[in-house]
C-alpha atoms as a PDB file:
ATOM      1  CA  MET A   1     187.605 118.357  34.718  1.00  0.00           C
ATOM      2  CA  SER A   2     186.465 121.328  36.780  1.00  0.00           C
ATOM      3  CA  LEU A   3     183.043 122.798  36.076  1.00  0.00           C
ATOM      4  CA  VAL A   4     184.723 126.194  35.636  1.00  0.00           C
ATOM      5  CA  VAL A   5     188.118 126.581  33.982  1.00  0.00           C
ATOM      6  CA  CYS A   6     190.280 129.702  34.235  1.00  0.00           C
ATOM      7  CA  GLU A   7     192.671 130.671  31.451  1.00  0.00           C
ATOM      8  CA  ASP A   8     195.000 133.653  31.713  1.00  0.00           C
ATOM      9  CA  ARG A   9     195.817 135.471  28.497  1.00  0.00           C
ATOM     10  CA  GLY A  10     198.183 138.133  29.726  1.00  0.00           C
ATOM     11  CA  ALA A  11     196.248 140.360  32.108  1.00  0.00           C
ATOM     12  CA  VAL A  12     192.891 139.014  30.875  1.00  0.00           C
ATOM     13  CA  ARG A  13     191.405 136.080  32.746  1.00  0.00           C
ATOM     14  CA  HIS A  14     188.936 133.949  30.845  1.00  0.00           C
ATOM     15  CA  VAL A  15     186.468 132.243  33.172  1.00  0.00           C
ATOM     16  CA  VAL A  16     184.948 129.368  31.203  1.00  0.00           C
ATOM     17  CA  LEU A  17     181.729 127.542  32.061  1.00  0.00           C
ATOM     18  CA  HIS A  18     182.807 123.957  31.412  1.00  0.00           C
ATOM     19  CA  ARG A  19     179.821 121.645  31.314  1.00  0.00           C
ATOM     20  CA  PRO A  20     179.388 121.309  27.545  1.00  0.00           C
ATOM     21  CA  GLU A  21     177.645 117.932  27.688  1.00  0.00           C
ATOM     22  CA  LYS A  22     174.792 119.689  29.542  1.00  0.00           C
ATOM     23  CA  ARG A  23     174.942 122.871  27.414  1.00  0.00           C
ATOM     24  CA  ASN A  24     176.655 124.559  30.386  1.00  0.00           C
ATOM     25  CA  ALA A  25     173.436 124.371  32.401  1.00  0.00           C
ATOM     26  CA  LEU A  26     173.936 126.281  35.640  1.00  0.00           C
ATOM     27  CA  SER A  27     173.786 123.636  38.343  1.00  0.00           C
ATOM     28  CA  GLY A  28     174.399 124.430  41.985  1.00  0.00           C
ATOM     29  CA  ALA A  29     177.911 123.008  41.774  1.00  0.00           C
ATOM     30  CA  LEU A  30     178.758 125.033  38.670  1.00  0.00           C
ATOM     31  CA  VAL A  31     177.406 128.226  40.240  1.00  0.00           C
ATOM     32  CA  GLU A  32     179.542 127.686  43.344  1.00  0.00           C
ATOM     33  CA  ALA A  33     182.620 127.040  41.192  1.00  0.00           C
ATOM     34  CA  LEU A  34     181.870 130.200  39.227  1.00  0.00           C
ATOM     35  CA  GLY A  35     181.687 132.193  42.458  1.00  0.00           C
ATOM     36  CA  GLU A  36     185.107 130.910  43.513  1.00  0.00           C
ATOM     37  CA  ALA A  37     186.574 131.765  40.110  1.00  0.00           C
ATOM     38  CA  LEU A  38     185.144 135.290  40.110  1.00  0.00           C
ATOM     39  CA  ARG A  39     186.315 135.988  43.649  1.00  0.00           C
ATOM     40  CA  GLY A  40     189.763 134.719  42.706  1.00  0.00           C
ATOM     41  CA  ALA A  41     189.908 136.964  39.646  1.00  0.00           C
ATOM     42  CA  ALA A  42     188.774 139.976  41.654  1.00  0.00           C
ATOM     43  CA  ALA A  43     191.503 139.400  44.245  1.00  0.00           C
ATOM     44  CA  ASP A  44     194.377 138.667  41.834  1.00  0.00           C
ATOM     45  CA  PRO A  45     196.417 141.840  41.179  1.00  0.00           C
ATOM     46  CA  ALA A  46     197.742 140.380  37.922  1.00  0.00           C
ATOM     47  CA  VAL A  47     194.225 140.243  36.457  1.00  0.00           C
ATOM     48  CA  ARG A  48     192.924 143.491  34.952  1.00  0.00           C
ATOM     49  CA  CYS A  49     189.953 142.244  32.934  1.00  0.00           C
ATOM     50  CA  VAL A  50     187.669 139.211  33.166  1.00  0.00           C
ATOM     51  CA  VAL A  51     186.013 137.489  30.185  1.00  0.00           C
ATOM     52  CA  LEU A  52     183.173 135.100  30.945  1.00  0.00           C
ATOM     53  CA  ARG A  53     182.373 132.502  28.293  1.00  0.00           C
ATOM     54  CA  GLY A  54     181.073 128.973  27.786  1.00  0.00           C
ATOM     55  CA  GLU A  55     182.713 125.825  26.464  1.00  0.00           C
ATOM     56  CA  GLY A  56     181.128 123.925  23.584  1.00  0.00           C
ATOM     57  CA  ALA A  57     178.144 124.856  21.470  1.00  0.00           C
ATOM     58  CA  MET A  58     176.791 127.736  23.550  1.00  0.00           C
ATOM     59  CA  PHE A  59     177.368 130.178  26.367  1.00  0.00           C
ATOM     60  CA  SER A  60     174.738 128.479  28.556  1.00  0.00           C
ATOM     61  CA  SER A  61     171.215 127.103  28.364  1.00  0.00           C
ATOM     62  CA  GLY A  62     170.373 128.685  31.739  1.00  0.00           C
ATOM     63  CA  MET A  63     169.559 127.264  35.141  1.00  0.00           C
ATOM     64  CA  ASP A  64     169.754 123.490  35.493  1.00  0.00           C
ATOM     65  CA  THR A  65     166.237 122.060  35.107  1.00  0.00           C
ATOM     66  CA  ALA A  66     167.021 119.327  37.636  1.00  0.00           C
ATOM     67  CA  ASP A  67     167.608 121.989  40.291  1.00  0.00           C
ATOM     68  CA  LEU A  68     164.397 123.773  39.312  1.00  0.00           C
ATOM     69  CA  ALA A  69     162.437 120.514  39.512  1.00  0.00           C
ATOM     70  CA  ALA A  70     163.818 119.837  42.982  1.00  0.00           C
ATOM     71  CA  LEU A  71     162.747 123.306  44.108  1.00  0.00           C
ATOM     72  CA  ALA A  72     159.279 122.723  42.690  1.00  0.00           C
ATOM     73  CA  ASP A  73     158.986 119.599  44.850  1.00  0.00           C
ATOM     74  CA  ASP A  74     160.373 121.366  47.933  1.00  0.00           C
ATOM     75  CA  PRO A  75     160.220 125.183  47.635  1.00  0.00           C
ATOM     76  CA  GLY A  76     161.485 125.779  51.181  1.00  0.00           C
ATOM     77  CA  PRO A  77     165.104 126.559  50.132  1.00  0.00           C
ATOM     78  CA  LEU A  78     163.997 128.760  47.200  1.00  0.00           C
ATOM     79  CA  ARG A  79     164.888 132.135  48.752  1.00  0.00           C
ATOM     80  CA  GLU A  80     168.288 130.930  49.934  1.00  0.00           C
ATOM     81  CA  TRP A  81     168.964 129.363  46.502  1.00  0.00           C
ATOM     82  CA  ARG A  82     168.007 132.550  44.688  1.00  0.00           C
ATOM     83  CA  ASP A  83     169.950 134.852  47.016  1.00  0.00           C
ATOM     84  CA  GLY A  84     173.093 132.729  46.698  1.00  0.00           C
ATOM     85  CA  ILE A  85     173.016 132.846  42.901  1.00  0.00           C
ATOM     86  CA  LEU A  86     172.265 136.565  42.832  1.00  0.00           C
ATOM     87  CA  ALA A  87     175.258 137.258  45.084  1.00  0.00           C
ATOM     88  CA  ILE A  88     177.532 135.448  42.628  1.00  0.00           C
ATOM     89  CA  TRP A  89     176.055 137.169  39.572  1.00  0.00           C
ATOM     90  CA  ASN A  90     176.585 140.494  41.371  1.00  0.00           C
ATOM     91  CA  LEU A  91     180.321 139.776  41.633  1.00  0.00           C
ATOM     92  CA  CYS A  92     180.599 140.585  37.907  1.00  0.00           C
ATOM     93  CA  GLU A  93     179.156 144.008  38.569  1.00  0.00           C
ATOM     94  CA  ASP A  94     180.767 144.691  41.935  1.00  0.00           C
ATOM     95  CA  MET A  95     184.418 143.857  41.246  1.00  0.00           C
ATOM     96  CA  ALA A  96     186.575 146.839  40.327  1.00  0.00           C
ATOM     97  CA  LYS A  97     187.791 145.114  37.149  1.00  0.00           C
ATOM     98  CA  PRO A  98     185.793 145.267  33.903  1.00  0.00           C
ATOM     99  CA  THR A  99     183.900 142.106  33.019  1.00  0.00           C
ATOM    100  CA  ILE A 100     182.949 141.013  29.494  1.00  0.00           C
ATOM    101  CA  ALA A 101     180.409 138.346  28.549  1.00  0.00           C
ATOM    102  CA  HIS A 102     181.534 136.515  25.398  1.00  0.00           C
ATOM    103  CA  ILE A 103     178.306 135.087  23.943  1.00  0.00           C
ATOM    104  CA  HIS A 104     178.059 132.396  21.287  1.00  0.00           C
ATOM    105  CA  GLY A 105     175.375 129.867  20.428  1.00  0.00           C
ATOM    106  CA  ALA A 106     172.705 130.691  22.979  1.00  0.00           C
ATOM    107  CA  CYS A 107     172.466 132.553  26.270  1.00  0.00           C
ATOM    108  CA  LEU A 108     169.145 131.831  27.942  1.00  0.00           C
ATOM    109  CA  GLY A 109     167.262 132.589  31.133  1.00  0.00           C
ATOM    110  CA  GLY A 110     169.542 132.743  34.170  1.00  0.00           C
ATOM    111  CA  ALA A 111     172.580 132.748  31.881  1.00  0.00           C
ATOM    112  CA  ALA A 112     171.280 135.871  30.167  1.00  0.00           C
ATOM    113  CA  GLU A 113     170.917 137.441  33.618  1.00  0.00           C
ATOM    114  CA  LEU A 114     174.556 136.520  34.272  1.00  0.00           C
ATOM    115  CA  ALA A 115     175.593 138.176  31.013  1.00  0.00           C
ATOM    116  CA  LEU A 116     173.578 141.268  31.937  1.00  0.00           C
ATOM    117  CA  ALA A 117     175.510 141.493  35.218  1.00  0.00           C
ATOM    118  CA  CYS A 118     178.743 141.866  33.250  1.00  0.00           C
ATOM    119  CA  ASP A 119     179.864 145.352  32.313  1.00  0.00           C
ATOM    120  CA  LEU A 120     180.058 144.651  28.587  1.00  0.00           C
ATOM    121  CA  ARG A 121     178.794 142.013  26.174  1.00  0.00           C
ATOM    122  CA  VAL A 122     180.223 140.815  22.849  1.00  0.00           C
ATOM    123  CA  MET A 123     177.969 138.483  20.851  1.00  0.00           C
ATOM    124  CA  ALA A 124     178.116 136.375  17.733  1.00  0.00           C
ATOM    125  CA  ALA A 125     175.711 137.558  15.055  1.00  0.00           C
ATOM    126  CA  ASP A 126     174.060 134.139  14.807  1.00  0.00           C
ATOM    127  CA  ALA A 127     173.752 133.596  18.574  1.00  0.00           C
ATOM    128  CA  VAL A 128     170.508 134.162  20.474  1.00  0.00           C
ATOM    129  CA  ILE A 129     169.858 135.679  23.877  1.00  0.00           C
ATOM    130  CA  GLY A 130     166.718 136.040  25.929  1.00  0.00           C
ATOM    131  CA  LEU A 131     165.032 135.974  29.314  1.00  0.00           C
ATOM    132  CA  VAL A 132     162.736 133.029  28.651  1.00  0.00           C
ATOM    133  CA  GLU A 133     161.464 132.374  32.185  1.00  0.00           C
ATOM    134  CA  THR A 134     157.820 133.291  31.563  1.00  0.00           C
ATOM    135  CA  ARG A 135     157.548 130.393  29.094  1.00  0.00           C
ATOM    136  CA  VAL A 136     157.872 127.983  32.032  1.00  0.00           C
ATOM    137  CA  GLY A 137     155.928 129.949  34.626  1.00  0.00           C
ATOM    138  CA  LEU A 138     158.901 131.738  36.222  1.00  0.00           C
ATOM    139  CA  ILE A 139     160.184 135.314  36.285  1.00  0.00           C
ATOM    140  CA  PRO A 140     163.720 136.668  35.723  1.00  0.00           C
ATOM    141  CA  ASP A 141     164.532 137.122  39.402  1.00  0.00           C
ATOM    142  CA  LEU A 142     168.325 137.267  39.305  1.00  0.00           C
ATOM    143  CA  GLY A 143     168.662 140.944  38.436  1.00  0.00           C
ATOM    144  CA  GLY A 144     167.616 140.569  34.810  1.00  0.00           C
ATOM    145  CA  CYS A 145     164.508 142.739  34.911  1.00  0.00           C
ATOM    146  CA  SER A 146     166.211 145.874  36.235  1.00  0.00           C
ATOM    147  CA  ARG A 147     169.450 145.426  34.310  1.00  0.00           C
ATOM    148  CA  LEU A 148     167.716 144.814  31.007  1.00  0.00           C
ATOM    149  CA  ALA A 149     165.503 147.889  31.457  1.00  0.00           C
ATOM    150  CA  ALA A 150     168.594 149.999  32.202  1.00  0.00           C
ATOM    151  CA  LEU A 151     170.144 148.901  28.909  1.00  0.00           C
ATOM    152  CA  VAL A 152     167.276 148.916  26.423  1.00  0.00           C
ATOM    153  CA  GLY A 153     164.559 151.010  28.089  1.00  0.00           C
ATOM    154  CA  LEU A 154     161.539 149.926  30.072  1.00  0.00           C
ATOM    155  CA  GLY A 155     159.106 149.455  27.203  1.00  0.00           C
ATOM    156  CA  ARG A 156     161.419 147.261  25.139  1.00  0.00           C
ATOM    157  CA  ALA A 157     162.498 145.353  28.263  1.00  0.00           C
ATOM    158  CA  LYS A 158     158.861 144.550  29.046  1.00  0.00           C
ATOM    159  CA  GLU A 159     158.354 143.187  25.542  1.00  0.00           C
ATOM    160  CA  LEU A 160     161.437 140.985  25.765  1.00  0.00           C
ATOM    161  CA  ILE A 161     160.618 139.723  29.267  1.00  0.00           C
ATOM    162  CA  LEU A 162     156.853 139.284  29.126  1.00  0.00           C
ATOM    163  CA  ALA A 163     156.941 137.541  25.737  1.00  0.00           C
ATOM    164  CA  SER A 164     160.118 135.539  26.506  1.00  0.00           C
ATOM    165  CA  LYS A 165     161.482 136.936  23.254  1.00  0.00           C
ATOM    166  CA  LEU A 166     164.762 135.746  21.776  1.00  0.00           C
ATOM    167  CA  VAL A 167     166.926 138.113  19.726  1.00  0.00           C
ATOM    168  CA  ASP A 168     170.004 137.393  17.661  1.00  0.00           C
ATOM    169  CA  GLY A 169     173.293 139.203  17.992  1.00  0.00           C
ATOM    170  CA  THR A 170     172.562 141.750  15.299  1.00  0.00           C
ATOM    171  CA  GLU A 171     169.271 142.790  16.896  1.00  0.00           C
ATOM    172  CA  ALA A 172     170.791 142.698  20.378  1.00  0.00           C
ATOM    173  CA  GLU A 173     173.467 145.179  19.300  1.00  0.00           C
ATOM    174  CA  ARG A 174     170.906 147.392  17.562  1.00  0.00           C
ATOM    175  CA  ILE A 175     168.782 147.789  20.698  1.00  0.00           C
ATOM    176  CA  GLY A 176     171.751 148.242  23.053  1.00  0.00           C
ATOM    177  CA  LEU A 177     171.577 144.866  24.757  1.00  0.00           C
ATOM    178  CA  VAL A 178     175.129 144.031  23.701  1.00  0.00           C
ATOM    179  CA  ASN A 179     178.042 146.334  22.970  1.00  0.00           C
ATOM    180  CA  ARG A 180     179.515 144.621  19.933  1.00  0.00           C
ATOM    181  CA  VAL A 181     178.492 141.960  17.444  1.00  0.00           C
ATOM    182  CA  ALA A 182     180.723 139.913  15.169  1.00  0.00           C
ATOM    183  CA  PRO A 183     180.486 136.915  12.851  1.00  0.00           C
ATOM    184  CA  ALA A 184     180.919 133.727  14.870  1.00  0.00           C
ATOM    185  CA  ALA A 185     184.333 133.072  13.325  1.00  0.00           C
ATOM    186  CA  GLU A 186     185.513 136.516  14.443  1.00  0.00           C
ATOM    187  CA  LEU A 187     184.024 136.557  17.933  1.00  0.00           C
ATOM    188  CA  ASP A 188     187.285 135.751  19.728  1.00  0.00           C
ATOM    189  CA  ALA A 189     189.026 138.584  17.909  1.00  0.00           C
ATOM    190  CA  ALA A 190     186.222 141.024  18.733  1.00  0.00           C
ATOM    191  CA  THR A 191     186.332 140.156  22.423  1.00  0.00           C
ATOM    192  CA  GLY A 192     190.122 140.375  22.423  1.00  0.00           C
ATOM    193  CA  ALA A 193     190.008 143.791  20.779  1.00  0.00           C
ATOM    194  CA  LEU A 194     187.582 145.127  23.394  1.00  0.00           C
ATOM    195  CA  ALA A 195     189.681 143.707  26.225  1.00  0.00           C
ATOM    196  CA  GLY A 196     192.744 145.337  24.656  1.00  0.00           C
ATOM    197  CA  GLU A 197     191.032 148.722  24.643  1.00  0.00           C
ATOM    198  CA  LEU A 198     190.282 148.326  28.343  1.00  0.00           C
ATOM    199  CA  LEU A 199     193.859 147.300  29.126  1.00  0.00           C
ATOM    200  CA  ALA A 200     195.115 150.446  27.368  1.00  0.00           C
ATOM    201  CA  CYS A 201     193.469 152.538  30.093  1.00  0.00           C
ATOM    202  CA  ALA A 202     194.682 153.103  33.651  1.00  0.00           C
ATOM    203  CA  PRO A 203     193.330 150.237  35.801  1.00  0.00           C
ATOM    204  CA  LEU A 204     192.649 152.335  38.906  1.00  0.00           C
ATOM    205  CA  ALA A 205     190.746 154.913  36.861  1.00  0.00           C
ATOM    206  CA  VAL A 206     188.771 152.168  35.105  1.00  0.00           C
ATOM    207  CA  GLY A 207     187.751 150.670  38.442  1.00  0.00           C
ATOM    208  CA  LEU A 208     186.760 154.014  39.921  1.00  0.00           C
ATOM    209  CA  ALA A 209     184.791 154.999  36.817  1.00  0.00           C
ATOM    210  CA  LYS A 210     182.988 151.654  36.838  1.00  0.00           C
ATOM    211  CA  GLY A 211     182.034 152.091  40.475  1.00  0.00           C
ATOM    212  CA  ARG A 212     180.779 155.627  39.924  1.00  0.00           C
ATOM    213  CA  ALA A 213     178.674 154.581  36.935  1.00  0.00           C
ATOM    214  CA  GLU A 214     177.107 151.755  38.950  1.00  0.00           C
ATOM    215  CA  ARG A 215     176.366 154.047  41.896  1.00  0.00           C
ATOM    216  CA  ARG A 216     174.666 156.568  39.614  1.00  0.00           C
ATOM    217  CA  ARG A 217     172.552 153.825  38.049  1.00  0.00           C
ATOM    218  CA  ALA A 218     171.570 152.508  41.472  1.00  0.00           C
ATOM    219  CA  ALA A 219     170.762 156.009  42.713  1.00  0.00           C
ATOM    220  CA  GLY A 220     168.582 156.604  39.669  1.00  0.00           C
ATOM    221  CA  ALA A 221     166.697 153.380  40.287  1.00  0.00           C
ATOM    222  CA  GLY A 222     166.206 154.375  43.916  1.00  0.00           C
ATOM    223  CA  ALA A 223     164.965 157.807  42.934  1.00  0.00           C
ATOM    224  CA  ASP A 224     162.492 156.238  40.513  1.00  0.00           C
ATOM    225  CA  ALA A 225     161.248 153.912  43.239  1.00  0.00           C
ATOM    226  CA  ARG A 226     160.843 156.791  45.697  1.00  0.00           C
ATOM    227  CA  ALA A 227     159.006 158.858  43.097  1.00  0.00           C
ATOM    228  CA  GLY A 228     156.724 155.916  42.402  1.00  0.00           C
ATOM    229  CA  GLY A 229     156.001 155.598  46.107  1.00  0.00           C
ATOM    230  CA  ARG A 230     155.144 159.302  46.349  1.00  0.00           C
ATOM    231  CA  ARG A 231     152.803 159.044  43.352  1.00  0.00           C
ATOM    232  CA  ALA A 232     151.089 155.997  44.824  1.00  0.00           C
ATOM    233  CA  GLY A 233     150.705 157.805  48.156  1.00  0.00           C
ATOM    234  CA  ALA A 234     149.163 160.826  46.447  1.00  0.00           C
ATOM    235  CA  VAL A 235     146.630 158.622  44.662  1.00  0.00           C
ATOM    236  CA  ARG A 236     145.669 156.914  47.931  1.00  0.00           C
ATOM    237  CA  ARG A 237     145.161 160.244  49.647  1.00  0.00           C
ATOM    238  CA  GLN A 238     143.025 161.529  46.782  1.00  0.00           C
ATOM    239  CA  ARG A 239     140.825 158.453  47.181  1.00  0.00           C
ATOM    240  CA  GLY A 240     140.633 158.778  50.943  1.00  0.00           C
ATOM    241  CA  LEU A 241     142.643 155.589  51.494  1.00  0.00           C
ATOM    242  CA  PRO A 242     145.272 155.081  54.222  1.00  0.00           C
END
């Protein structure tokens, strides 16, 4: 069985992480298969919406600990490993078609960063989500820090990230981390309803609106960074520093 399975439900393609015996841990092979599936969905004119979900008890437990252990022993490939994963996560954000993360069970660490890269998130009320990297001496370095702050605000994002805090679906919806929450038994219906609302809109307009929203967010982040640089420069000058 493939590590990623694609199921078409009309114009909605479900991309399913299929490693349930390992809690859908994101191994290198699974990540590569996910990249192929996302690129295929983006290129297929029959697909108008992409739903990303996990097989078995949870969405995903996060990055495969075996891969992380190997990198700890030999950190040389770390930058290449990280950049490759980030490029695949970014496909969810960059494709013109709307992407939905369908979250049940648990969505942890790198998997939460993957869900954050999707346009929308639908979550079971009893599921949990969190960027838990600081518990094991890591940081959320796959886009999670900036994307989480854009959704819930900087102060709340810092609390969630620095304390490796887990929140359930109800709390995640309350703070704006996910768009919709539903009882676990009704999660499929909730995701299907959201996908149906997207399909009711003109696909070209949806893609253009998505791109414009992302560009505005990126421009805002750049403006904030430039403003921060100007403030830091002013402080240095006041102190007589170069």
